Amino acid sequence: MQWIKFFDRLFERASHICGLIAAGCFLLMLVNVFYDVVMRYLFNQVSIGMQELEWHLFAAVFLLGVPYALRTDGHVRVDVLYEGWSDRLKAIVNMVGAIAFVTPFSLLVMYFGFGFTVDAFNLMEGSGDPGGLPYRWIIKSLIPLSSLLILLSGLGMITQALRVLLLGEKYAESHAKEGLA
């Protein structure tokens, strides 16, 4: 049963790293938006590249934040019902949800996202706007990568459920309230 704990820690660590990177991208996006607003309204200067960087950073925050939210129970769920359930029932629901929904979804997005990224790379796709960012395949590569990380978070949900079901461990009161800050 040590393998369950080993993989659970591994999946938890990967999700935590996603959360840290997403938080870092969020801070960069905050600075970027501040710079863009100051330049636009105080100096009447507009940068298409900086505006596109905002979108890219937002995409990174979202795509890397989802695996973290999934693993720490920060995602949307009907907590009115879930909170009153026993740990055993929570584990069964989490395991079924991870197997039936998270795994197929992430594999499907990973499959199609990889082709999407390869096409963008082969075309050396960049912004269509003058002054926009080149190498759009870099941000598009986050789609299959985040799907892989979501899959790992789903596997982490399974190993966590196995720890509850097989080893008698308990779920923490709420991971979502902890956050990264």
N, C-alpha and C. Protein backbone atom coordinates (compact mmCIF):
# COMPACT_ATOMS: atom_id res chain seq x y z
N MET A 1 0.80 -1.20 0.00
CA MET A 1 0.00 0.00 0.00
C MET A 1 0.85 1.27 0.00
N GLN A 2 2.14 1.12 0.14
CA GLN A 2 3.03 2.29 0.10
C GLN A 2 3.01 2.97 -1.26
N TRP A 3 2.75 2.20 -2.31
CA TRP A 3 2.73 2.77 -3.65
C TRP A 3 1.60 3.78 -3.79
N ILE A 4 0.49 3.55 -3.08
CA ILE A 4 -0.62 4.51 -3.14
C ILE A 4 -0.17 5.85 -2.57
N LYS A 5 0.49 5.81 -1.42
CA LYS A 5 0.96 7.05 -0.81
C LYS A 5 2.02 7.73 -1.67
N PHE A 6 2.92 6.92 -2.26
CA PHE A 6 3.98 7.48 -3.11
C PHE A 6 3.37 8.24 -4.29
N PHE A 7 2.46 7.58 -5.02
CA PHE A 7 1.85 8.23 -6.19
C PHE A 7 0.98 9.40 -5.78
N ASP A 8 0.29 9.26 -4.65
CA ASP A 8 -0.55 10.37 -4.18
C ASP A 8 0.30 11.60 -3.90
N ARG A 9 1.44 11.43 -3.24
CA ARG A 9 2.34 12.57 -2.98
C ARG A 9 2.88 13.14 -4.28
N LEU A 10 3.21 12.26 -5.23
CA LEU A 10 3.72 12.71 -6.53
C LEU A 10 2.67 13.55 -7.27
N PHE A 11 1.43 13.06 -7.32
CA PHE A 11 0.37 13.79 -8.00
C PHE A 11 0.06 15.10 -7.27
N GLU A 12 0.10 15.06 -5.95
CA GLU A 12 -0.15 16.28 -5.17
C GLU A 12 0.94 17.33 -5.42
N ARG A 13 2.17 16.88 -5.50
CA ARG A 13 3.29 17.79 -5.75
C ARG A 13 3.16 18.44 -7.14
N ALA A 14 2.79 17.63 -8.15
CA ALA A 14 2.62 18.17 -9.51
C ALA A 14 1.51 19.21 -9.53
N SER A 15 0.42 18.94 -8.84
CA SER A 15 -0.69 19.91 -8.79
C SER A 15 -0.28 21.18 -8.05
N HIS A 16 0.48 21.02 -6.99
CA HIS A 16 0.93 22.19 -6.23
C HIS A 16 1.85 23.07 -7.08
N ILE A 17 2.72 22.44 -7.85
CA ILE A 17 3.61 23.19 -8.74
C ILE A 17 2.78 23.95 -9.78
N CYS A 18 1.73 23.30 -10.30
CA CYS A 18 0.82 24.00 -11.24
C CYS A 18 0.22 25.23 -10.59
N GLY A 19 -0.20 25.08 -9.34
CA GLY A 19 -0.79 26.21 -8.63
C GLY A 19 0.19 27.34 -8.44
N LEU A 20 1.44 27.00 -8.11
CA LEU A 20 2.46 28.04 -7.94
C LEU A 20 2.75 28.76 -9.25
N ILE A 21 2.85 28.00 -10.33
CA ILE A 21 3.11 28.62 -11.63
C ILE A 21 1.92 29.49 -12.04
N ALA A 22 0.69 29.01 -11.82
CA ALA A 22 -0.49 29.80 -12.15
C ALA A 22 -0.52 31.09 -11.32
N ALA A 23 -0.16 31.00 -10.04
CA ALA A 23 -0.11 32.19 -9.19
C ALA A 23 0.95 33.17 -9.70
N GLY A 24 2.09 32.65 -10.12
CA GLY A 24 3.14 33.51 -10.68
C GLY A 24 2.69 34.18 -11.97
N CYS A 25 2.01 33.43 -12.83
CA CYS A 25 1.49 34.01 -14.07
C CYS A 25 0.43 35.06 -13.76
N PHE A 26 -0.35 34.84 -12.71
CA PHE A 26 -1.35 35.83 -12.33
C PHE A 26 -0.69 37.13 -11.90
N LEU A 27 0.39 37.03 -11.13
CA LEU A 27 1.10 38.24 -10.71
C LEU A 27 1.71 38.96 -11.92
N LEU A 28 2.28 38.19 -12.84
CA LEU A 28 2.81 38.80 -14.07
C LEU A 28 1.70 39.47 -14.87
N MET A 29 0.54 38.83 -14.93
CA MET A 29 -0.58 39.42 -15.65
C MET A 29 -1.03 40.72 -14.98
N LEU A 30 -1.02 40.73 -13.66
CA LEU A 30 -1.39 41.94 -12.92
C LEU A 30 -0.44 43.09 -13.27
N VAL A 31 0.84 42.82 -13.28
CA VAL A 31 1.84 43.85 -13.64
C VAL A 31 1.65 44.28 -15.09
N ASN A 32 1.41 43.30 -15.97
CA ASN A 32 1.22 43.59 -17.38
C ASN A 32 0.02 44.50 -17.59
N VAL A 33 -1.11 44.19 -16.95
CA VAL A 33 -2.31 45.00 -17.11
C VAL A 33 -2.08 46.40 -16.54
N PHE A 34 -1.43 46.49 -15.40
CA PHE A 34 -1.13 47.79 -14.81
C PHE A 34 -0.28 48.63 -15.77
N TYR A 35 0.77 48.02 -16.32
CA TYR A 35 1.63 48.72 -17.28
C TYR A 35 0.83 49.17 -18.50
N ASP A 36 -0.01 48.27 -19.00
CA ASP A 36 -0.80 48.58 -20.20
C ASP A 36 -1.75 49.74 -19.94
N VAL A 37 -2.41 49.75 -18.80
CA VAL A 37 -3.34 50.83 -18.45
C VAL A 37 -2.61 52.15 -18.28
N VAL A 38 -1.47 52.13 -17.59
CA VAL A 38 -0.70 53.36 -17.39
C VAL A 38 -0.22 53.90 -18.73
N MET A 39 0.31 53.04 -19.56
CA MET A 39 0.82 53.50 -20.86
C MET A 39 -0.32 54.03 -21.74
N ARG A 40 -1.46 53.38 -21.70
CA ARG A 40 -2.57 53.79 -22.55
C ARG A 40 -3.18 55.12 -22.10
N TYR A 41 -3.45 55.25 -20.81
CA TYR A 41 -4.21 56.41 -20.35
C TYR A 41 -3.35 57.59 -19.91
N LEU A 42 -2.11 57.35 -19.54
CA LEU A 42 -1.24 58.47 -19.17
C LEU A 42 -0.33 58.92 -20.31
N PHE A 43 0.08 57.99 -21.15
CA PHE A 43 1.04 58.33 -22.20
C PHE A 43 0.48 58.12 -23.62
N ASN A 44 -0.77 57.68 -23.70
CA ASN A 44 -1.41 57.46 -24.99
C ASN A 44 -0.61 56.52 -25.89
N GLN A 45 0.00 55.53 -25.30
CA GLN A 45 0.78 54.52 -26.03
C GLN A 45 0.07 53.18 -25.92
N VAL A 46 -0.10 52.50 -27.04
CA VAL A 46 -0.77 51.20 -27.07
C VAL A 46 0.20 50.17 -27.65
N SER A 47 0.27 49.02 -27.00
CA SER A 47 1.12 47.93 -27.47
C SER A 47 0.27 46.69 -27.69
N ILE A 48 0.16 46.29 -28.94
CA ILE A 48 -0.60 45.08 -29.27
C ILE A 48 0.06 43.86 -28.61
N GLY A 49 1.37 43.84 -28.61
CA GLY A 49 2.09 42.71 -28.00
C GLY A 49 1.79 42.58 -26.51
N MET A 50 1.72 43.71 -25.81
CA MET A 50 1.40 43.66 -24.37
C MET A 50 -0.04 43.21 -24.14
N GLN A 51 -0.95 43.65 -25.00
CA GLN A 51 -2.34 43.20 -24.88
C GLN A 51 -2.44 41.70 -25.13
N GLU A 52 -1.74 41.20 -26.12
CA GLU A 52 -1.76 39.76 -26.38
C GLU A 52 -1.09 38.98 -25.25
N LEU A 53 -0.07 39.57 -24.65
CA LEU A 53 0.57 38.91 -23.51
C LEU A 53 -0.41 38.75 -22.36
N GLU A 54 -1.30 39.72 -22.18
CA GLU A 54 -2.35 39.60 -21.16
C GLU A 54 -3.19 38.36 -21.42
N TRP A 55 -3.59 38.15 -22.65
CA TRP A 55 -4.43 37.01 -23.01
C TRP A 55 -3.65 35.70 -22.78
N HIS A 56 -2.39 35.72 -23.16
CA HIS A 56 -1.57 34.51 -22.99
C HIS A 56 -1.39 34.19 -21.51
N LEU A 57 -1.14 35.20 -20.71
CA LEU A 57 -0.98 34.97 -19.27
C LEU A 57 -2.29 34.51 -18.64
N PHE A 58 -3.40 35.08 -19.08
CA PHE A 58 -4.70 34.64 -18.57
C PHE A 58 -4.94 33.17 -18.93
N ALA A 59 -4.61 32.80 -20.15
CA ALA A 59 -4.75 31.39 -20.56
C ALA A 59 -3.88 30.49 -19.69
N ALA A 60 -2.67 30.92 -19.40
CA ALA A 60 -1.77 30.12 -18.55
C ALA A 60 -2.33 30.00 -17.13
N VAL A 61 -2.87 31.10 -16.60
CA VAL A 61 -3.47 31.06 -15.26
C VAL A 61 -4.60 30.05 -15.24
N PHE A 62 -5.47 30.11 -16.22
CA PHE A 62 -6.61 29.21 -16.26
C PHE A 62 -6.17 27.77 -16.46
N LEU A 63 -5.34 27.53 -17.49
CA LEU A 63 -4.97 26.16 -17.83
C LEU A 63 -4.12 25.49 -16.76
N LEU A 64 -3.31 26.25 -16.05
CA LEU A 64 -2.50 25.65 -14.99
C LEU A 64 -3.20 25.71 -13.63
N GLY A 65 -4.19 26.56 -13.51
CA GLY A 65 -4.94 26.64 -12.26
C GLY A 65 -5.97 25.53 -12.11
N VAL A 66 -6.46 25.00 -13.22
CA VAL A 66 -7.47 23.94 -13.15
C VAL A 66 -6.93 22.68 -12.47
N PRO A 67 -5.74 22.17 -12.82
CA PRO A 67 -5.26 20.98 -12.11
C PRO A 67 -5.10 21.22 -10.60
N TYR A 68 -4.66 22.41 -10.23
CA TYR A 68 -4.51 22.74 -8.81
C TYR A 68 -5.88 22.78 -8.13
N ALA A 69 -6.84 23.43 -8.76
CA ALA A 69 -8.18 23.52 -8.17
C ALA A 69 -8.83 22.15 -8.06
N LEU A 70 -8.61 21.31 -9.05
CA LEU A 70 -9.17 19.96 -9.02
C LEU A 70 -8.61 19.16 -7.87
N ARG A 71 -7.32 19.23 -7.68
CA ARG A 71 -6.67 18.44 -6.63
C ARG A 71 -6.99 18.96 -5.23
N THR A 72 -7.17 20.26 -5.08
CA THR A 72 -7.40 20.83 -3.75
C THR A 72 -8.88 21.05 -3.46
N ASP A 73 -9.76 20.45 -4.26
CA ASP A 73 -11.21 20.60 -4.10
C ASP A 73 -11.65 22.05 -4.20
N GLY A 74 -10.99 22.83 -5.00
CA GLY A 74 -11.38 24.22 -5.21
C GLY A 74 -12.31 24.38 -6.39
N HIS A 75 -12.69 23.27 -7.01
CA HIS A 75 -13.56 23.32 -8.18
C HIS A 75 -15.03 23.40 -7.76
N VAL A 76 -15.89 23.64 -8.73
CA VAL A 76 -17.32 23.78 -8.48
C VAL A 76 -17.92 22.39 -8.25
N ARG A 77 -18.66 22.28 -7.18
CA ARG A 77 -19.32 21.03 -6.86
C ARG A 77 -20.51 21.37 -5.97
N VAL A 78 -21.46 20.47 -5.88
CA VAL A 78 -22.62 20.70 -5.03
C VAL A 78 -22.23 20.35 -3.60
N ASP A 79 -21.56 21.31 -2.93
CA ASP A 79 -21.05 21.07 -1.58
C ASP A 79 -22.16 20.92 -0.55
N VAL A 80 -23.35 21.40 -0.86
CA VAL A 80 -24.47 21.27 0.08
C VAL A 80 -24.70 19.79 0.37
N LEU A 81 -24.62 18.96 -0.65
CA LEU A 81 -24.78 17.52 -0.47
C LEU A 81 -23.49 16.87 -0.01
N TYR A 82 -22.40 17.21 -0.67
CA TYR A 82 -21.11 16.55 -0.48
C TYR A 82 -20.58 16.69 0.94
N GLU A 83 -20.72 17.84 1.53
CA GLU A 83 -20.16 18.09 2.87
C GLU A 83 -20.75 17.19 3.94
N GLY A 84 -21.99 16.76 3.77
CA GLY A 84 -22.63 15.93 4.77
C GLY A 84 -22.37 14.44 4.61
N TRP A 85 -21.71 14.06 3.55
CA TRP A 85 -21.48 12.65 3.28
C TRP A 85 -20.33 12.11 4.12
N SER A 86 -20.31 10.80 4.29
CA SER A 86 -19.21 10.14 4.98
C SER A 86 -17.97 10.18 4.08
N ASP A 87 -16.80 10.00 4.68
CA ASP A 87 -15.57 9.99 3.89
C ASP A 87 -15.58 8.84 2.87
N ARG A 88 -16.16 7.73 3.23
CA ARG A 88 -16.23 6.59 2.32
C ARG A 88 -17.06 6.94 1.07
N LEU A 89 -18.22 7.56 1.27
CA LEU A 89 -19.07 7.95 0.14
C LEU A 89 -18.39 9.02 -0.70
N LYS A 90 -17.72 9.98 -0.05
CA LYS A 90 -16.96 11.00 -0.78
C LYS A 90 -15.89 10.35 -1.65
N ALA A 91 -15.20 9.36 -1.10
CA ALA A 91 -14.13 8.68 -1.84
C ALA A 91 -14.69 7.96 -3.06
N ILE A 92 -15.83 7.31 -2.88
CA ILE A 92 -16.45 6.59 -4.01
C ILE A 92 -16.88 7.58 -5.09
N VAL A 93 -17.52 8.67 -4.70
CA VAL A 93 -17.96 9.68 -5.66
C VAL A 93 -16.76 10.30 -6.37
N ASN A 94 -15.70 10.63 -5.62
CA ASN A 94 -14.50 11.21 -6.23
C ASN A 94 -13.85 10.24 -7.20
N MET A 95 -13.79 8.95 -6.83
CA MET A 95 -13.15 7.97 -7.70
C MET A 95 -13.97 7.77 -8.98
N VAL A 96 -15.28 7.64 -8.85
CA VAL A 96 -16.13 7.47 -10.03
C VAL A 96 -16.04 8.72 -10.91
N GLY A 97 -16.08 9.90 -10.30
CA GLY A 97 -15.98 11.13 -11.07
C GLY A 97 -14.66 11.24 -11.82
N ALA A 98 -13.57 10.87 -11.15
CA ALA A 98 -12.26 10.94 -11.80
C ALA A 98 -12.14 9.94 -12.94
N ILE A 99 -12.69 8.74 -12.74
CA ILE A 99 -12.60 7.70 -13.78
C ILE A 99 -13.56 7.99 -14.93
N ALA A 100 -14.79 8.39 -14.61
CA ALA A 100 -15.81 8.55 -15.65
C ALA A 100 -15.77 9.89 -16.36
N PHE A 101 -15.29 10.93 -15.69
CA PHE A 101 -15.36 12.27 -16.29
C PHE A 101 -14.00 12.91 -16.53
N VAL A 102 -13.17 12.98 -15.49
CA VAL A 102 -11.89 13.68 -15.61
C VAL A 102 -10.97 12.99 -16.60
N THR A 103 -10.83 11.67 -16.47
CA THR A 103 -9.90 10.94 -17.34
C THR A 103 -10.29 11.01 -18.81
N PRO A 104 -11.54 10.68 -19.20
CA PRO A 104 -11.87 10.78 -20.63
C PRO A 104 -11.76 12.21 -21.17
N PHE A 105 -12.21 13.19 -20.37
CA PHE A 105 -12.13 14.59 -20.80
C PHE A 105 -10.69 14.98 -21.07
N SER A 106 -9.81 14.70 -20.13
CA SER A 106 -8.41 15.12 -20.29
C SER A 106 -7.74 14.38 -21.45
N LEU A 107 -8.05 13.11 -21.63
CA LEU A 107 -7.46 12.37 -22.76
C LEU A 107 -7.95 12.92 -24.10
N LEU A 108 -9.22 13.27 -24.17
CA LEU A 108 -9.79 13.82 -25.40
C LEU A 108 -9.16 15.18 -25.73
N VAL A 109 -9.09 16.05 -24.75
CA VAL A 109 -8.50 17.38 -24.98
C VAL A 109 -7.01 17.25 -25.30
N MET A 110 -6.32 16.32 -24.63
CA MET A 110 -4.90 16.11 -24.90
C MET A 110 -4.70 15.64 -26.34
N TYR A 111 -5.53 14.73 -26.79
CA TYR A 111 -5.41 14.19 -28.15
C TYR A 111 -5.59 15.29 -29.20
N PHE A 112 -6.69 16.03 -29.09
CA PHE A 112 -6.95 17.07 -30.09
C PHE A 112 -6.05 18.29 -29.88
N GLY A 113 -5.70 18.60 -28.66
CA GLY A 113 -4.83 19.73 -28.38
C GLY A 113 -3.43 19.54 -28.91
N PHE A 114 -2.97 18.29 -28.90
CA PHE A 114 -1.62 18.02 -29.42
C PHE A 114 -1.56 18.32 -30.91
N GLY A 115 -2.55 17.87 -31.67
CA GLY A 115 -2.59 18.17 -33.11
C GLY A 115 -2.72 19.66 -33.38
N PHE A 116 -3.50 20.33 -32.56
CA PHE A 116 -3.68 21.78 -32.65
C PHE A 116 -2.34 22.49 -32.46
N THR A 117 -1.57 22.03 -31.48
CA THR A 117 -0.27 22.62 -31.19
C THR A 117 0.74 22.33 -32.30
N VAL A 118 0.75 21.10 -32.77
CA VAL A 118 1.68 20.73 -33.85
C VAL A 118 1.40 21.54 -35.11
N ASP A 119 0.11 21.71 -35.43
CA ASP A 119 -0.24 22.53 -36.61
C ASP A 119 0.26 23.96 -36.45
N ALA A 120 0.08 24.52 -35.27
CA ALA A 120 0.54 25.90 -35.03
C ALA A 120 2.06 25.98 -35.12
N PHE A 121 2.75 24.95 -34.63
CA PHE A 121 4.21 24.93 -34.71
C PHE A 121 4.67 24.81 -36.17
N ASN A 122 4.07 23.89 -36.91
CA ASN A 122 4.47 23.69 -38.31
C ASN A 122 4.23 24.93 -39.16
N LEU A 123 3.19 25.67 -38.85
CA LEU A 123 2.90 26.91 -39.58
C LEU A 123 3.69 28.10 -39.05
N MET A 124 4.37 27.89 -37.91
CA MET A 124 5.03 28.98 -37.19
C MET A 124 4.04 30.13 -37.00
N GLU A 125 2.87 29.74 -36.54
CA GLU A 125 1.77 30.68 -36.36
C GLU A 125 2.15 31.79 -35.39
N GLY A 126 1.80 32.96 -35.75
CA GLY A 126 2.01 34.13 -34.90
C GLY A 126 0.77 34.99 -34.95
N SER A 127 0.86 36.13 -34.36
CA SER A 127 -0.26 37.05 -34.34
C SER A 127 -0.49 37.62 -35.73
N GLY A 128 -1.75 37.81 -36.06
CA GLY A 128 -2.09 38.44 -37.32
C GLY A 128 -2.01 39.95 -37.26
N ASP A 129 -1.88 40.48 -36.05
CA ASP A 129 -1.82 41.92 -35.86
C ASP A 129 -0.38 42.43 -35.93
N PRO A 130 -0.17 43.61 -36.52
CA PRO A 130 1.17 44.17 -36.51
C PRO A 130 1.60 44.50 -35.08
N GLY A 131 2.79 44.09 -34.73
CA GLY A 131 3.29 44.30 -33.37
C GLY A 131 2.83 43.23 -32.39
N GLY A 132 2.12 42.20 -32.89
CA GLY A 132 1.65 41.12 -32.04
C GLY A 132 2.76 40.12 -31.74
N LEU A 133 2.44 39.16 -30.92
CA LEU A 133 3.44 38.18 -30.49
C LEU A 133 3.61 37.07 -31.52
N PRO A 134 4.86 36.68 -31.75
CA PRO A 134 5.11 35.53 -32.63
C PRO A 134 4.98 34.23 -31.83
N TYR A 135 5.14 33.12 -32.51
CA TYR A 135 5.23 31.80 -31.87
C TYR A 135 4.01 31.48 -31.00
N ARG A 136 2.85 31.54 -31.59
CA ARG A 136 1.62 31.26 -30.86
C ARG A 136 1.55 29.80 -30.41
N TRP A 137 2.37 28.94 -31.02
CA TRP A 137 2.37 27.53 -30.63
C TRP A 137 2.80 27.34 -29.17
N ILE A 138 3.54 28.30 -28.64
CA ILE A 138 4.00 28.17 -27.25
C ILE A 138 2.80 28.19 -26.30
N ILE A 139 1.90 29.14 -26.47
CA ILE A 139 0.74 29.19 -25.59
C ILE A 139 -0.22 28.06 -25.92
N LYS A 140 -0.31 27.69 -27.19
CA LYS A 140 -1.19 26.57 -27.55
C LYS A 140 -0.68 25.24 -27.00
N SER A 141 0.61 25.15 -26.75
CA SER A 141 1.15 23.90 -26.19
C SER A 141 0.69 23.69 -24.74
N LEU A 142 0.21 24.75 -24.11
CA LEU A 142 -0.33 24.59 -22.75
C LEU A 142 -1.63 23.80 -22.75
N ILE A 143 -2.32 23.72 -23.88
CA ILE A 143 -3.59 22.98 -23.92
C ILE A 143 -3.34 21.49 -23.67
N PRO A 144 -2.51 20.81 -24.46
CA PRO A 144 -2.28 19.39 -24.14
C PRO A 144 -1.51 19.20 -22.83
N LEU A 145 -0.61 20.13 -22.50
CA LEU A 145 0.13 20.01 -21.25
C LEU A 145 -0.81 20.11 -20.05
N SER A 146 -1.72 21.07 -20.07
CA SER A 146 -2.65 21.19 -18.95
C SER A 146 -3.59 20.00 -18.89
N SER A 147 -3.92 19.43 -20.03
CA SER A 147 -4.75 18.22 -20.03
C SER A 147 -4.03 17.06 -19.37
N LEU A 148 -2.74 16.96 -19.63
CA LEU A 148 -1.94 15.93 -18.95
C LEU A 148 -1.92 16.19 -17.45
N LEU A 149 -1.76 17.44 -17.07
CA LEU A 149 -1.74 17.78 -15.65
C LEU A 149 -3.10 17.58 -14.99
N ILE A 150 -4.17 17.82 -15.72
CA ILE A 150 -5.52 17.53 -15.21
C ILE A 150 -5.67 16.02 -15.03
N LEU A 151 -5.15 15.25 -15.98
CA LEU A 151 -5.18 13.79 -15.84
C LEU A 151 -4.43 13.35 -14.59
N LEU A 152 -3.26 13.94 -14.35
CA LEU A 152 -2.51 13.62 -13.13
C LEU A 152 -3.28 14.00 -11.88
N SER A 153 -3.98 15.13 -11.91
CA SER A 153 -4.80 15.52 -10.76
C SER A 153 -5.95 14.55 -10.57
N GLY A 154 -6.53 14.09 -11.67
CA GLY A 154 -7.58 13.08 -11.58
C GLY A 154 -7.06 11.78 -11.00
N LEU A 155 -5.86 11.39 -11.42
CA LEU A 155 -5.23 10.20 -10.82
C LEU A 155 -4.95 10.42 -9.34
N GLY A 156 -4.60 11.66 -9.01
CA GLY A 156 -4.40 12.00 -7.60
C GLY A 156 -5.70 11.89 -6.81
N MET A 157 -6.82 12.25 -7.44
CA MET A 157 -8.11 12.07 -6.77
C MET A 157 -8.37 10.59 -6.51
N ILE A 158 -7.96 9.75 -7.47
CA ILE A 158 -8.16 8.31 -7.31
C ILE A 158 -7.27 7.77 -6.19
N THR A 159 -5.99 8.16 -6.19
CA THR A 159 -5.11 7.65 -5.13
C THR A 159 -5.53 8.17 -3.76
N GLN A 160 -6.03 9.39 -3.70
CA GLN A 160 -6.52 9.92 -2.43
C GLN A 160 -7.75 9.13 -1.97
N ALA A 161 -8.64 8.80 -2.91
CA ALA A 161 -9.82 8.01 -2.58
C ALA A 161 -9.42 6.60 -2.12
N LEU A 162 -8.40 6.04 -2.76
CA LEU A 162 -7.92 4.72 -2.35
C LEU A 162 -7.34 4.75 -0.94
N ARG A 163 -6.66 5.84 -0.61
CA ARG A 163 -6.13 5.98 0.76
C ARG A 163 -7.28 6.00 1.77
N VAL A 164 -8.37 6.66 1.40
CA VAL A 164 -9.52 6.71 2.31
C VAL A 164 -10.19 5.34 2.39
N LEU A 165 -10.39 4.70 1.24
CA LEU A 165 -11.10 3.43 1.22
C LEU A 165 -10.29 2.26 1.78
N LEU A 166 -9.01 2.20 1.42
CA LEU A 166 -8.20 1.04 1.79
C LEU A 166 -7.39 1.22 3.07
N LEU A 167 -6.98 2.45 3.34
CA LEU A 167 -6.11 2.69 4.49
C LEU A 167 -6.86 3.37 5.64
N GLY A 168 -8.13 3.71 5.43
CA GLY A 168 -8.93 4.31 6.49
C GLY A 168 -8.60 5.76 6.81
N GLU A 169 -7.89 6.43 5.90
CA GLU A 169 -7.57 7.84 6.14
C GLU A 169 -8.82 8.69 5.97
N LYS A 170 -8.75 9.91 6.42
CA LYS A 170 -9.88 10.84 6.37
C LYS A 170 -9.57 11.97 5.39
N TYR A 171 -10.63 12.51 4.79
CA TYR A 171 -10.47 13.71 3.98
C TYR A 171 -10.29 14.90 4.92
N ALA A 172 -9.49 15.85 4.49
CA ALA A 172 -9.33 17.08 5.27
C ALA A 172 -10.64 17.84 5.20
N GLU A 173 -10.85 18.72 6.15
CA GLU A 173 -12.11 19.49 6.19
C GLU A 173 -12.36 20.21 4.88
N SER A 174 -11.39 21.02 4.43
CA SER A 174 -11.52 21.70 3.14
C SER A 174 -10.16 22.20 2.70
N HIS A 175 -9.70 21.68 1.55
CA HIS A 175 -8.44 22.16 0.98
C HIS A 175 -8.63 23.53 0.35
N ALA A 176 -9.83 23.78 -0.19
CA ALA A 176 -10.05 24.99 -0.98
C ALA A 176 -9.84 26.26 -0.18
N LYS A 177 -10.04 26.21 1.13
CA LYS A 177 -9.91 27.40 1.95
C LYS A 177 -8.45 27.77 2.19
N GLU A 178 -7.56 26.79 2.00
CA GLU A 178 -6.13 27.05 2.26
C GLU A 178 -5.52 27.97 1.22
N GLY A 179 -5.67 27.62 -0.04
CA GLY A 179 -5.11 28.43 -1.12
C GLY A 179 -3.60 28.45 -1.12
N LEU A 180 -3.02 29.28 -1.93
CA LEU A 180 -1.57 29.40 -2.03
C LEU A 180 -1.03 30.56 -1.22
N ALA A 181 -1.90 31.49 -0.87
CA ALA A 181 -1.43 32.70 -0.18
C ALA A 181 -1.30 32.46 1.31
